[in-house]
Amino acid sequence: RFSGTFIGNAESTSPPAATSPPAVAAATLPAVPTIPVVPTIVGVPNTVAESVLNPNEVKPPASGTRKARVLYDYEAADSTELALLADEMITVYSLPGMDPDWLIGERGNQKGKVPVTYLELLS
């Protein structure tokens, strides 16, 4: 049993008051597009995106590299990422325009993106 009062209209045979469902639906839709739009200039390469997508071709900055200890094993999702083993030491750095949750990591001659949350950054 439900406590409380149920209000219904079992006796009425007339249809409910007419409301326009499209107007109600339109009022609840967001006013801005839900697909992000990224402006591009035709003929001009996006050098930041290209360098981030292919970390093997990126040169480390003259300054700004740091050592990091890997906290957890990490399996690379694709060829742009670097697989990590817990407790190993790698060199890391960031690039201008790069997602702040990722760094470029280097181990010997291997290079790739690594998630910051898997690292303990050292001095």
PDB file of N, CA and C in Angstrom:
ATOM      1  N   ARG A   1       0.816  -1.196   0.000  1.00  0.00           N
ATOM      2  CA  ARG A   1       0.000   0.000   0.000  1.00  0.00           C
ATOM      3  C   ARG A   1       0.853   1.250   0.000  1.00  0.00           C
ATOM      4  N   PHE A   2       0.391   2.229  -0.727  1.00  0.00           N
ATOM      5  CA  PHE A   2       1.062   3.515  -0.765  1.00  0.00           C
ATOM      6  C   PHE A   2       0.343   4.475   0.156  1.00  0.00           C
ATOM      7  N   SER A   3       1.096   5.179   0.943  1.00  0.00           N
ATOM      8  CA  SER A   3       0.474   6.184   1.786  1.00  0.00           C
ATOM      9  C   SER A   3       0.308   7.454   0.972  1.00  0.00           C
ATOM     10  N   GLY A   4      -0.630   8.273   1.348  1.00  0.00           N
ATOM     11  CA  GLY A   4      -0.866   9.519   0.646  1.00  0.00           C
ATOM     12  C   GLY A   4      -2.121   9.437  -0.201  1.00  0.00           C
ATOM     13  N   THR A   5      -2.332  10.467  -0.978  1.00  0.00           N
ATOM     14  CA  THR A   5      -3.551  10.571  -1.772  1.00  0.00           C
ATOM     15  C   THR A   5      -3.210  10.439  -3.244  1.00  0.00           C
ATOM     16  N   PHE A   6      -4.030   9.680  -3.967  1.00  0.00           N
ATOM     17  CA  PHE A   6      -3.874   9.550  -5.409  1.00  0.00           C
ATOM     18  C   PHE A   6      -4.939  10.400  -6.053  1.00  0.00           C
ATOM     19  N   ILE A   7      -4.521  11.282  -6.937  1.00  0.00           N
ATOM     20  CA  ILE A   7      -5.482  12.137  -7.617  1.00  0.00           C
ATOM     21  C   ILE A   7      -5.540  11.686  -9.059  1.00  0.00           C
ATOM     22  N   GLY A   8      -6.706  11.281  -9.491  1.00  0.00           N
ATOM     23  CA  GLY A   8      -6.869  10.815 -10.853  1.00  0.00           C
ATOM     24  C   GLY A   8      -8.183  11.313 -11.412  1.00  0.00           C
ATOM     25  N   ASN A   9      -8.389  11.100 -12.693  1.00  0.00           N
ATOM     26  CA  ASN A   9      -9.605  11.545 -13.334  1.00  0.00           C
ATOM     27  C   ASN A   9     -10.170  10.367 -14.107  1.00  0.00           C
ATOM     28  N   ALA A  10     -10.719   9.388 -13.393  1.00  0.00           N
ATOM     29  CA  ALA A  10     -11.229   8.183 -14.030  1.00  0.00           C
ATOM     30  C   ALA A  10     -12.577   8.420 -14.693  1.00  0.00           C
ATOM     31  N   GLU A  11     -13.325   9.449 -14.284  1.00  0.00           N
ATOM     32  CA  GLU A  11     -14.663   9.676 -14.807  1.00  0.00           C
ATOM     33  C   GLU A  11     -14.666  10.458 -16.115  1.00  0.00           C
ATOM     34  N   SER A  12     -13.655  11.231 -16.365  1.00  0.00           N
ATOM     35  CA  SER A  12     -13.649  12.100 -17.535  1.00  0.00           C
ATOM     36  C   SER A  12     -13.344  11.306 -18.796  1.00  0.00           C
ATOM     37  N   THR A  13     -14.104  11.594 -19.871  1.00  0.00           N
ATOM     38  CA  THR A  13     -13.832  10.949 -21.150  1.00  0.00           C
ATOM     39  C   THR A  13     -13.206  11.931 -22.135  1.00  0.00           C
ATOM     40  N   SER A  14     -13.063  13.186 -21.729  1.00  0.00           N
ATOM     41  CA  SER A  14     -12.466  14.169 -22.629  1.00  0.00           C
ATOM     42  C   SER A  14     -10.940  14.048 -22.569  1.00  0.00           C
ATOM     43  N   PRO A  15     -10.260  14.356 -23.671  1.00  0.00           N
ATOM     44  CA  PRO A  15      -8.804  14.281 -23.681  1.00  0.00           C
ATOM     45  C   PRO A  15      -8.203  15.338 -22.762  1.00  0.00           C
ATOM     46  N   PRO A  16      -7.009  15.128 -22.292  1.00  0.00           N
ATOM     47  CA  PRO A  16      -6.371  16.127 -21.435  1.00  0.00           C
ATOM     48  C   PRO A  16      -6.164  17.429 -22.204  1.00  0.00           C
ATOM     49  N   ALA A  17      -5.926  18.487 -21.455  1.00  0.00           N
ATOM     50  CA  ALA A  17      -5.727  19.801 -22.075  1.00  0.00           C
ATOM     51  C   ALA A  17      -4.609  19.714 -23.098  1.00  0.00           C
ATOM     52  N   ALA A  18      -4.856  20.322 -24.240  1.00  0.00           N
ATOM     53  CA  ALA A  18      -3.894  20.235 -25.346  1.00  0.00           C
ATOM     54  C   ALA A  18      -2.663  21.074 -25.042  1.00  0.00           C
ATOM     55  N   THR A  19      -1.530  20.417 -25.059  1.00  0.00           N
ATOM     56  CA  THR A  19      -0.257  21.136 -24.990  1.00  0.00           C
ATOM     57  C   THR A  19       0.547  20.669 -26.190  1.00  0.00           C
ATOM     58  N   SER A  20       1.362  21.497 -26.635  1.00  0.00           N
ATOM     59  CA  SER A  20       2.146  21.176 -27.823  1.00  0.00           C
ATOM     60  C   SER A  20       3.443  20.481 -27.415  1.00  0.00           C
ATOM     61  N   PRO A  21       3.550  19.166 -27.621  1.00  0.00           N
ATOM     62  CA  PRO A  21       4.783  18.480 -27.243  1.00  0.00           C
ATOM     63  C   PRO A  21       6.024  19.037 -27.922  1.00  0.00           C
ATOM     64  N   PRO A  22       5.982  19.430 -29.212  1.00  0.00           N
ATOM     65  CA  PRO A  22       7.201  19.998 -29.792  1.00  0.00           C
ATOM     66  C   PRO A  22       7.645  21.274 -29.093  1.00  0.00           C
ATOM     67  N   ALA A  23       6.699  22.093 -28.644  1.00  0.00           N
ATOM     68  CA  ALA A  23       7.072  23.323 -27.956  1.00  0.00           C
ATOM     69  C   ALA A  23       7.717  22.991 -26.618  1.00  0.00           C
ATOM     70  N   VAL A  24       7.205  21.993 -25.921  1.00  0.00           N
ATOM     71  CA  VAL A  24       7.781  21.593 -24.644  1.00  0.00           C
ATOM     72  C   VAL A  24       9.171  21.029 -24.872  1.00  0.00           C
ATOM     73  N   ALA A  25       9.322  20.172 -25.890  1.00  0.00           N
ATOM     74  CA  ALA A  25      10.624  19.578 -26.185  1.00  0.00           C
ATOM     75  C   ALA A  25      11.623  20.655 -26.598  1.00  0.00           C
ATOM     76  N   ALA A  26      11.190  21.609 -27.389  1.00  0.00           N
ATOM     77  CA  ALA A  26      12.096  22.661 -27.842  1.00  0.00           C
ATOM     78  C   ALA A  26      12.549  23.527 -26.676  1.00  0.00           C
ATOM     79  N   ALA A  27      11.676  23.714 -25.697  1.00  0.00           N
ATOM     80  CA  ALA A  27      12.029  24.541 -24.556  1.00  0.00           C
ATOM     81  C   ALA A  27      13.081  23.870 -23.681  1.00  0.00           C
ATOM     82  N   THR A  28      13.163  22.529 -23.725  1.00  0.00           N
ATOM     83  CA  THR A  28      14.118  21.831 -22.874  1.00  0.00           C
ATOM     84  C   THR A  28      15.433  21.537 -23.577  1.00  0.00           C
ATOM     85  N   LEU A  29      15.529  21.786 -24.878  1.00  0.00           N
ATOM     86  CA  LEU A  29      16.765  21.523 -25.601  1.00  0.00           C
ATOM     87  C   LEU A  29      17.795  22.595 -25.289  1.00  0.00           C
ATOM     88  N   PRO A  30      19.090  22.229 -25.281  1.00  0.00           N
ATOM     89  CA  PRO A  30      20.113  23.245 -25.045  1.00  0.00           C
ATOM     90  C   PRO A  30      20.150  24.251 -26.190  1.00  0.00           C
ATOM     91  N   ALA A  31      20.506  25.474 -25.857  1.00  0.00           N
ATOM     92  CA  ALA A  31      20.522  26.537 -26.850  1.00  0.00           C
ATOM     93  C   ALA A  31      21.795  26.530 -27.689  1.00  0.00           C
ATOM     94  N   VAL A  32      22.819  25.802 -27.255  1.00  0.00           N
ATOM     95  CA  VAL A  32      24.081  25.764 -27.994  1.00  0.00           C
ATOM     96  C   VAL A  32      24.285  24.392 -28.594  1.00  0.00           C
ATOM     97  N   PRO A  33      25.042  24.281 -29.663  1.00  0.00           N
ATOM     98  CA  PRO A  33      25.297  22.959 -30.241  1.00  0.00           C
ATOM     99  C   PRO A  33      26.067  22.081 -29.260  1.00  0.00           C
ATOM    100  N   THR A  34      25.825  20.779 -29.321  1.00  0.00           N
ATOM    101  CA  THR A  34      26.493  19.862 -28.411  1.00  0.00           C
ATOM    102  C   THR A  34      27.775  19.289 -29.006  1.00  0.00           C
ATOM    103  N   ILE A  35      28.036  19.546 -30.275  1.00  0.00           N
ATOM    104  CA  ILE A  35      29.251  19.068 -30.907  1.00  0.00           C
ATOM    105  C   ILE A  35      30.263  20.208 -30.905  1.00  0.00           C
ATOM    106  N   PRO A  36      31.446  20.000 -30.305  1.00  0.00           N
ATOM    107  CA  PRO A  36      32.428  21.089 -30.292  1.00  0.00           C
ATOM    108  C   PRO A  36      32.937  21.382 -31.695  1.00  0.00           C
ATOM    109  N   VAL A  37      33.158  22.647 -31.946  1.00  0.00           N
ATOM    110  CA  VAL A  37      33.647  23.090 -33.250  1.00  0.00           C
ATOM    111  C   VAL A  37      35.072  23.592 -33.065  1.00  0.00           C
ATOM    112  N   VAL A  38      36.004  23.031 -33.822  1.00  0.00           N
ATOM    113  CA  VAL A  38      37.402  23.435 -33.741  1.00  0.00           C
ATOM    114  C   VAL A  38      37.743  24.222 -34.995  1.00  0.00           C
ATOM    115  N   PRO A  39      38.080  25.506 -34.840  1.00  0.00           N
ATOM    116  CA  PRO A  39      38.401  26.295 -36.030  1.00  0.00           C
ATOM    117  C   PRO A  39      39.733  25.851 -36.628  1.00  0.00           C
ATOM    118  N   THR A  40      39.784  25.818 -37.940  1.00  0.00           N
ATOM    119  CA  THR A  40      41.027  25.483 -38.639  1.00  0.00           C
ATOM    120  C   THR A  40      41.213  26.460 -39.779  1.00  0.00           C
ATOM    121  N   ILE A  41      42.439  26.625 -40.188  1.00  0.00           N
ATOM    122  CA  ILE A  41      42.749  27.471 -41.329  1.00  0.00           C
ATOM    123  C   ILE A  41      43.222  26.539 -42.437  1.00  0.00           C
ATOM    124  N   VAL A  42      42.563  26.595 -43.563  1.00  0.00           N
ATOM    125  CA  VAL A  42      42.892  25.714 -44.671  1.00  0.00           C
ATOM    126  C   VAL A  42      44.313  25.988 -45.140  1.00  0.00           C
ATOM    127  N   GLY A  43      45.102  24.928 -45.276  1.00  0.00           N
ATOM    128  CA  GLY A  43      46.463  25.053 -45.772  1.00  0.00           C
ATOM    129  C   GLY A  43      47.507  25.299 -44.700  1.00  0.00           C
ATOM    130  N   VAL A  44      47.086  25.554 -43.447  1.00  0.00           N
ATOM    131  CA  VAL A  44      48.042  25.796 -42.369  1.00  0.00           C
ATOM    132  C   VAL A  44      48.026  24.575 -41.454  1.00  0.00           C
ATOM    133  N   PRO A  45      49.148  23.865 -41.340  1.00  0.00           N
ATOM    134  CA  PRO A  45      49.155  22.667 -40.489  1.00  0.00           C
ATOM    135  C   PRO A  45      49.046  23.028 -39.016  1.00  0.00           C
ATOM    136  N   ASN A  46      48.399  22.173 -38.266  1.00  0.00           N
ATOM    137  CA  ASN A  46      48.291  22.359 -36.823  1.00  0.00           C
ATOM    138  C   ASN A  46      49.513  21.694 -36.199  1.00  0.00           C
ATOM    139  N   THR A  47      50.593  22.432 -36.032  1.00  0.00           N
ATOM    140  CA  THR A  47      51.864  21.853 -35.601  1.00  0.00           C
ATOM    141  C   THR A  47      51.801  21.325 -34.177  1.00  0.00           C
ATOM    142  N   VAL A  48      51.022  21.945 -33.282  1.00  0.00           N
ATOM    143  CA  VAL A  48      50.916  21.443 -31.906  1.00  0.00           C
ATOM    144  C   VAL A  48      50.262  20.076 -31.910  1.00  0.00           C
ATOM    145  N   ALA A  49      49.151  19.926 -32.625  1.00  0.00           N
ATOM    146  CA  ALA A  49      48.462  18.639 -32.664  1.00  0.00           C
ATOM    147  C   ALA A  49      49.326  17.580 -33.324  1.00  0.00           C
ATOM    148  N   GLU A  50      50.030  17.939 -34.393  1.00  0.00           N
ATOM    149  CA  GLU A  50      50.869  16.963 -35.068  1.00  0.00           C
ATOM    150  C   GLU A  50      51.999  16.496 -34.166  1.00  0.00           C
ATOM    151  N   SER A  51      52.616  17.406 -33.401  1.00  0.00           N
ATOM    152  CA  SER A  51      53.725  17.006 -32.549  1.00  0.00           C
ATOM    153  C   SER A  51      53.229  16.183 -31.370  1.00  0.00           C
ATOM    154  N   VAL A  52      52.050  16.472 -30.880  1.00  0.00           N
ATOM    155  CA  VAL A  52      51.517  15.692 -29.773  1.00  0.00           C
ATOM    156  C   VAL A  52      51.115  14.309 -30.258  1.00  0.00           C
ATOM    157  N   LEU A  53      50.594  14.212 -31.469  1.00  0.00           N
ATOM    158  CA  LEU A  53      50.162  12.921 -31.970  1.00  0.00           C
ATOM    159  C   LEU A  53      51.332  12.013 -32.328  1.00  0.00           C
ATOM    160  N   ASN A  54      52.495  12.574 -32.614  1.00  0.00           N
ATOM    161  CA  ASN A  54      53.643  11.755 -32.955  1.00  0.00           C
ATOM    162  C   ASN A  54      54.810  12.136 -32.049  1.00  0.00           C
ATOM    163  N   PRO A  55      54.798  11.652 -30.788  1.00  0.00           N
ATOM    164  CA  PRO A  55      55.836  12.055 -29.848  1.00  0.00           C
ATOM    165  C   PRO A  55      57.224  11.575 -30.229  1.00  0.00           C
ATOM    166  N   ASN A  56      57.341  10.588 -31.102  1.00  0.00           N
ATOM    167  CA  ASN A  56      58.661  10.098 -31.498  1.00  0.00           C
ATOM    168  C   ASN A  56      59.436  11.139 -32.294  1.00  0.00           C
ATOM    169  N   GLU A  57      58.761  12.108 -32.887  1.00  0.00           N
ATOM    170  CA  GLU A  57      59.425  13.143 -33.668  1.00  0.00           C
ATOM    171  C   GLU A  57      59.630  14.426 -32.871  1.00  0.00           C
ATOM    172  N   VAL A  58      59.226  14.435 -31.595  1.00  0.00           N
ATOM    173  CA  VAL A  58      59.322  15.629 -30.765  1.00  0.00           C
ATOM    174  C   VAL A  58      60.690  15.686 -30.100  1.00  0.00           C
ATOM    175  N   LYS A  59      61.316  16.845 -30.137  1.00  0.00           N
ATOM    176  CA  LYS A  59      62.591  17.057 -29.455  1.00  0.00           C
ATOM    177  C   LYS A  59      62.305  17.586 -28.044  1.00  0.00           C
ATOM    178  N   PRO A  60      63.024  17.104 -27.035  1.00  0.00           N
ATOM    179  CA  PRO A  60      62.800  17.625 -25.682  1.00  0.00           C
ATOM    180  C   PRO A  60      63.234  19.080 -25.589  1.00  0.00           C
ATOM    181  N   PRO A  61      62.594  19.854 -24.738  1.00  0.00           N
ATOM    182  CA  PRO A  61      62.996  21.259 -24.592  1.00  0.00           C
ATOM    183  C   PRO A  61      64.396  21.349 -23.992  1.00  0.00           C
ATOM    184  N   ALA A  62      65.100  22.456 -24.245  1.00  0.00           N
ATOM    185  CA  ALA A  62      66.453  22.644 -23.726  1.00  0.00           C
ATOM    186  C   ALA A  62      66.447  22.626 -22.199  1.00  0.00           C
ATOM    187  N   SER A  63      65.406  23.148 -21.611  1.00  0.00           N
ATOM    188  CA  SER A  63      65.246  23.083 -20.161  1.00  0.00           C
ATOM    189  C   SER A  63      63.807  22.677 -19.878  1.00  0.00           C
ATOM    190  N   GLY A  64      63.551  22.206 -18.697  1.00  0.00           N
ATOM    191  CA  GLY A  64      62.183  21.838 -18.342  1.00  0.00           C
ATOM    192  C   GLY A  64      61.944  20.345 -18.289  1.00  0.00           C
ATOM    193  N   THR A  65      62.994  19.536 -18.515  1.00  0.00           N
ATOM    194  CA  THR A  65      62.812  18.100 -18.349  1.00  0.00           C
ATOM    195  C   THR A  65      62.958  17.763 -16.877  1.00  0.00           C
ATOM    196  N   ARG A  66      62.223  16.734 -16.449  1.00  0.00           N
ATOM    197  CA  ARG A  66      62.273  16.300 -15.054  1.00  0.00           C
ATOM    198  C   ARG A  66      62.349  14.791 -15.012  1.00  0.00           C
ATOM    199  N   LYS A  67      62.840  14.280 -13.924  1.00  0.00           N
ATOM    200  CA  LYS A  67      62.808  12.845 -13.673  1.00  0.00           C
ATOM    201  C   LYS A  67      61.487  12.524 -12.986  1.00  0.00           C
ATOM    202  N   ALA A  68      60.988  11.336 -13.253  1.00  0.00           N
ATOM    203  CA  ALA A  68      59.745  10.898 -12.608  1.00  0.00           C
ATOM    204  C   ALA A  68      59.856   9.415 -12.286  1.00  0.00           C
ATOM    205  N   ARG A  69      59.268   9.039 -11.159  1.00  0.00           N
ATOM    206  CA  ARG A  69      59.184   7.633 -10.784  1.00  0.00           C
ATOM    207  C   ARG A  69      57.781   7.161 -11.123  1.00  0.00           C
ATOM    208  N   VAL A  70      57.680   6.028 -11.797  1.00  0.00           N
ATOM    209  CA  VAL A  70      56.390   5.472 -12.196  1.00  0.00           C
ATOM    210  C   VAL A  70      55.761   4.790 -10.988  1.00  0.00           C
ATOM    211  N   LEU A  71      54.512   5.147 -10.689  1.00  0.00           N
ATOM    212  CA  LEU A  71      53.814   4.604  -9.524  1.00  0.00           C
ATOM    213  C   LEU A  71      53.098   3.289  -9.822  1.00  0.00           C
ATOM    214  N   TYR A  72      52.566   3.146 -11.036  1.00  0.00           N
ATOM    215  CA  TYR A  72      51.764   1.978 -11.399  1.00  0.00           C
ATOM    216  C   TYR A  72      52.131   1.522 -12.810  1.00  0.00           C
ATOM    217  N   ASP A  73      51.923   0.252 -13.083  1.00  0.00           N
ATOM    218  CA  ASP A  73      52.075  -0.238 -14.454  1.00  0.00           C
ATOM    219  C   ASP A  73      51.038   0.446 -15.335  1.00  0.00           C
ATOM    220  N   TYR A  74      51.420   0.755 -16.564  1.00  0.00           N
ATOM    221  CA  TYR A  74      50.498   1.369 -17.515  1.00  0.00           C
ATOM    222  C   TYR A  74      50.711   0.733 -18.880  1.00  0.00           C
ATOM    223  N   GLU A  75      49.634   0.238 -19.476  1.00  0.00           N
ATOM    224  CA  GLU A  75      49.697  -0.353 -20.810  1.00  0.00           C
ATOM    225  C   GLU A  75      49.333   0.712 -21.832  1.00  0.00           C
ATOM    226  N   ALA A  76      50.216   0.945 -22.795  1.00  0.00           N
ATOM    227  CA  ALA A  76      49.982   1.967 -23.815  1.00  0.00           C
ATOM    228  C   ALA A  76      48.768   1.593 -24.655  1.00  0.00           C
ATOM    229  N   ALA A  77      47.897   2.587 -24.896  1.00  0.00           N
ATOM    230  CA  ALA A  77      46.684   2.355 -25.693  1.00  0.00           C
ATOM    231  C   ALA A  77      46.982   2.345 -27.188  1.00  0.00           C
ATOM    232  N   ASP A  78      48.021   3.068 -27.614  1.00  0.00           N
ATOM    233  CA  ASP A  78      48.391   3.108 -29.032  1.00  0.00           C
ATOM    234  C   ASP A  78      49.867   3.468 -29.156  1.00  0.00           C
ATOM    235  N   SER A  79      50.344   3.636 -30.377  1.00  0.00           N
ATOM    236  CA  SER A  79      51.768   3.862 -30.612  1.00  0.00           C
ATOM    237  C   SER A  79      52.253   5.240 -30.159  1.00  0.00           C
ATOM    238  N   THR A  80      51.345   6.161 -29.830  1.00  0.00           N
ATOM    239  CA  THR A  80      51.768   7.481 -29.359  1.00  0.00           C
ATOM    240  C   THR A  80      52.042   7.481 -27.854  1.00  0.00           C
ATOM    241  N   GLU A  81      51.667   6.408 -27.159  1.00  0.00           N
ATOM    242  CA  GLU A  81      51.848   6.342 -25.715  1.00  0.00           C
ATOM    243  C   GLU A  81      53.020   5.433 -25.361  1.00  0.00           C
ATOM    244  N   LEU A  82      53.563   5.628 -24.156  1.00  0.00           N
ATOM    245  CA  LEU A  82      54.686   4.841 -23.670  1.00  0.00           C
ATOM    246  C   LEU A  82      54.186   3.919 -22.559  1.00  0.00           C
ATOM    247  N   ALA A  83      54.410   2.617 -22.704  1.00  0.00           N
ATOM    248  CA  ALA A  83      54.046   1.665 -21.658  1.00  0.00           C
ATOM    249  C   ALA A  83      54.990   1.867 -20.468  1.00  0.00           C
ATOM    250  N   LEU A  84      54.451   1.732 -19.250  1.00  0.00           N
ATOM    251  CA  LEU A  84      55.232   1.996 -18.046  1.00  0.00           C
ATOM    252  C   LEU A  84      55.200   0.793 -17.110  1.00  0.00           C
ATOM    253  N   LEU A  85      56.282   0.627 -16.352  1.00  0.00           N
ATOM    254  CA  LEU A  85      56.347  -0.385 -15.304  1.00  0.00           C
ATOM    255  C   LEU A  85      56.548   0.329 -13.971  1.00  0.00           C
ATOM    256  N   ALA A  86      55.849  -0.118 -12.946  1.00  0.00           N
ATOM    257  CA  ALA A  86      55.939   0.503 -11.626  1.00  0.00           C
ATOM    258  C   ALA A  86      57.390   0.542 -11.156  1.00  0.00           C
ATOM    259  N   ASP A  87      57.768   1.616 -10.498  1.00  0.00           N
ATOM    260  CA  ASP A  87      59.084   1.857  -9.886  1.00  0.00           C
ATOM    261  C   ASP A  87      60.200   2.171 -10.870  1.00  0.00           C
ATOM    262  N   GLU A  88      59.938   2.248 -12.172  1.00  0.00           N
ATOM    263  CA  GLU A  88      61.005   2.647 -13.091  1.00  0.00           C
ATOM    264  C   GLU A  88      61.128   4.166 -13.107  1.00  0.00           C
ATOM    265  N   MET A  89      62.283   4.657 -13.524  1.00  0.00           N
ATOM    266  CA  MET A  89      62.544   6.089 -13.611  1.00  0.00           C
ATOM    267  C   MET A  89      62.553   6.489 -15.085  1.00  0.00           C
ATOM    268  N   ILE A  90      61.844   7.568 -15.408  1.00  0.00           N
ATOM    269  CA  ILE A  90      61.813   8.078 -16.774  1.00  0.00           C
ATOM    270  C   ILE A  90      62.033   9.582 -16.745  1.00  0.00           C
ATOM    271  N   THR A  91      62.334  10.162 -17.887  1.00  0.00           N
ATOM    272  CA  THR A  91      62.439  11.612 -18.046  1.00  0.00           C
ATOM    273  C   THR A  91      61.147  12.095 -18.677  1.00  0.00           C
ATOM    274  N   VAL A  92      60.591  13.192 -18.155  1.00  0.00           N
ATOM    275  CA  VAL A  92      59.322  13.707 -18.676  1.00  0.00           C
ATOM    276  C   VAL A  92      59.424  15.200 -18.948  1.00  0.00           C
ATOM    277  N   TYR A  93      58.580  15.671 -19.862  1.00  0.00           N
ATOM    278  CA  TYR A  93      58.447  17.091 -20.146  1.00  0.00           C
ATOM    279  C   TYR A  93      57.112  17.321 -20.827  1.00  0.00           C
ATOM    280  N   SER A  94      56.668  18.579 -20.830  1.00  0.00           N
ATOM    281  CA  SER A  94      55.406  18.915 -21.495  1.00  0.00           C
ATOM    282  C   SER A  94      55.702  19.764 -22.718  1.00  0.00           C
ATOM    283  N   LEU A  95      54.707  19.844 -23.579  1.00  0.00           N
ATOM    284  CA  LEU A  95      54.810  20.658 -24.782  1.00  0.00           C
ATOM    285  C   LEU A  95      53.736  21.729 -24.745  1.00  0.00           C
ATOM    286  N   PRO A  96      53.983  22.888 -25.344  1.00  0.00           N
ATOM    287  CA  PRO A  96      52.955  23.933 -25.390  1.00  0.00           C
ATOM    288  C   PRO A  96      51.689  23.406 -26.072  1.00  0.00           C
ATOM    289  N   GLY A  97      50.553  23.676 -25.478  1.00  0.00           N
ATOM    290  CA  GLY A  97      49.274  23.270 -26.048  1.00  0.00           C
ATOM    291  C   GLY A  97      48.894  21.833 -25.761  1.00  0.00           C
ATOM    292  N   MET A  98      49.707  21.134 -24.997  1.00  0.00           N
ATOM    293  CA  MET A  98      49.441  19.727 -24.703  1.00  0.00           C
ATOM    294  C   MET A  98      48.462  19.612 -23.534  1.00  0.00           C
ATOM    295  N   ASP A  99      47.650  18.558 -23.544  1.00  0.00           N
ATOM    296  CA  ASP A  99      46.718  18.282 -22.456  1.00  0.00           C
ATOM    297  C   ASP A  99      47.500  18.204 -21.147  1.00  0.00           C
ATOM    298  N   PRO A 100      47.105  18.970 -20.105  1.00  0.00           N
ATOM    299  CA  PRO A 100      47.866  18.982 -18.853  1.00  0.00           C
ATOM    300  C   PRO A 100      47.838  17.659 -18.088  1.00  0.00           C
ATOM    301  N   ASP A 101      46.965  16.746 -18.462  1.00  0.00           N
ATOM    302  CA  ASP A 101      46.903  15.440 -17.800  1.00  0.00           C
ATOM    303  C   ASP A 101      47.928  14.461 -18.367  1.00  0.00           C
ATOM    304  N   TRP A 102      48.674  14.861 -19.376  1.00  0.00           N
ATOM    305  CA  TRP A 102      49.651  14.000 -20.045  1.00  0.00           C
ATOM    306  C   TRP A 102      50.997  14.716 -20.146  1.00  0.00           C
ATOM    307  N   LEU A 103      52.075  13.934 -20.151  1.00  0.00           N
ATOM    308  CA  LEU A 103      53.418  14.433 -20.397  1.00  0.00           C
ATOM    309  C   LEU A 103      54.053  13.551 -21.461  1.00  0.00           C
ATOM    310  N   ILE A 104      55.152  14.031 -22.053  1.00  0.00           N
ATOM    311  CA  ILE A 104      55.952  13.190 -22.929  1.00  0.00           C
ATOM    312  C   ILE A 104      56.986  12.510 -22.036  1.00  0.00           C
ATOM    313  N   GLY A 105      57.046  11.204 -22.107  1.00  0.00           N
ATOM    314  CA  GLY A 105      58.002  10.448 -21.310  1.00  0.00           C
ATOM    315  C   GLY A 105      59.047   9.799 -22.196  1.00  0.00           C
ATOM    316  N   GLU A 106      60.293   9.719 -21.687  1.00  0.00           N
ATOM    317  CA  GLU A 106      61.382   9.085 -22.419  1.00  0.00           C
ATOM    318  C   GLU A 106      62.055   8.045 -21.535  1.00  0.00           C
ATOM    319  N   ARG A 107      62.290   6.890 -22.119  1.00  0.00           N
ATOM    320  CA  ARG A 107      63.051   5.817 -21.483  1.00  0.00           C
ATOM    321  C   ARG A 107      64.022   5.302 -22.530  1.00  0.00           C
ATOM    322  N   GLY A 108      65.309   5.619 -22.374  1.00  0.00           N
ATOM    323  CA  GLY A 108      66.288   5.237 -23.393  1.00  0.00           C
ATOM    324  C   GLY A 108      65.935   5.893 -24.718  1.00  0.00           C
ATOM    325  N   ASN A 109      65.743   5.085 -25.760  1.00  0.00           N
ATOM    326  CA  ASN A 109      65.371   5.642 -27.070  1.00  0.00           C
ATOM    327  C   ASN A 109      63.865   5.546 -27.322  1.00  0.00           C
ATOM    328  N   GLN A 110      63.101   5.139 -26.314  1.00  0.00           N
ATOM    329  CA  GLN A 110      61.636   5.082 -26.449  1.00  0.00           C
ATOM    330  C   GLN A 110      61.029   6.377 -25.937  1.00  0.00           C
ATOM    331  N   LYS A 111      59.968   6.819 -26.614  1.00  0.00           N
ATOM    332  CA  LYS A 111      59.327   8.086 -26.274  1.00  0.00           C
ATOM    333  C   LYS A 111      57.837   7.954 -26.513  1.00  0.00           C
ATOM    334  N   GLY A 112      57.009   8.580 -25.644  1.00  0.00           N
ATOM    335  CA  GLY A 112      55.575   8.572 -25.852  1.00  0.00           C
ATOM    336  C   GLY A 112      54.847   9.324 -24.760  1.00  0.00           C
ATOM    337  N   LYS A 113      53.552   9.515 -24.955  1.00  0.00           N
ATOM    338  CA  LYS A 113      52.724  10.207 -23.967  1.00  0.00           C
ATOM    339  C   LYS A 113      52.528   9.293 -22.758  1.00  0.00           C
ATOM    340  N   VAL A 114      52.531   9.899 -21.553  1.00  0.00           N
ATOM    341  CA  VAL A 114      52.284   9.156 -20.319  1.00  0.00           C
ATOM    342  C   VAL A 114      51.316   9.962 -19.453  1.00  0.00           C
ATOM    343  N   PRO A 115      50.416   9.278 -18.735  1.00  0.00           N
ATOM    344  CA  PRO A 115      49.472   9.998 -17.869  1.00  0.00           C
ATOM    345  C   PRO A 115      50.173  10.492 -16.599  1.00  0.00           C
ATOM    346  N   VAL A 116      49.936  11.758 -16.253  1.00  0.00           N
ATOM    347  CA  VAL A 116      50.565  12.374 -15.088  1.00  0.00           C
ATOM    348  C   VAL A 116      50.197  11.633 -13.800  1.00  0.00           C
ATOM    349  N   THR A 117      48.978  11.112 -13.725  1.00  0.00           N
ATOM    350  CA  THR A 117      48.518  10.467 -12.483  1.00  0.00           C
ATOM    351  C   THR A 117      49.279   9.190 -12.165  1.00  0.00           C
ATOM    352  N   TYR A 118      50.026   8.642 -13.111  1.00  0.00           N
ATOM    353  CA  TYR A 118      50.812   7.436 -12.889  1.00  0.00           C
ATOM    354  C   TYR A 118      52.239   7.751 -12.450  1.00  0.00           C
ATOM    355  N   LEU A 119      52.553   9.033 -12.255  1.00  0.00           N
ATOM    356  CA  LEU A 119      53.917   9.452 -12.004  1.00  0.00           C
ATOM    357  C   LEU A 119      54.077  10.188 -10.676  1.00  0.00           C
ATOM    358  N   GLU A 120      55.259  10.033 -10.086  1.00  0.00           N
ATOM    359  CA  GLU A 120      55.682  10.886  -8.996  1.00  0.00           C
ATOM    360  C   GLU A 120      56.796  11.748  -9.575  1.00  0.00           C
ATOM    361  N   LEU A 121      56.510  13.055  -9.742  1.00  0.00           N
ATOM    362  CA  LEU A 121      57.484  13.956 -10.350  1.00  0.00           C
ATOM    363  C   LEU A 121      58.558  14.298  -9.326  1.00  0.00           C
ATOM    364  N   LEU A 122      59.816  14.148  -9.727  1.00  0.00           N
ATOM    365  CA  LEU A 122      60.952  14.447  -8.870  1.00  0.00           C
ATOM    366  C   LEU A 122      61.600  15.742  -9.317  1.00  0.00           C
ATOM    367  N   SER A 123      62.535  16.257  -8.537  1.00  0.00           N
ATOM    368  CA  SER A 123      63.144  17.542  -8.868  1.00  0.00           C
ATOM    369  C   SER A 123      64.040  17.500 -10.074  1.00  0.00           C
TER     370      SER A 123
END
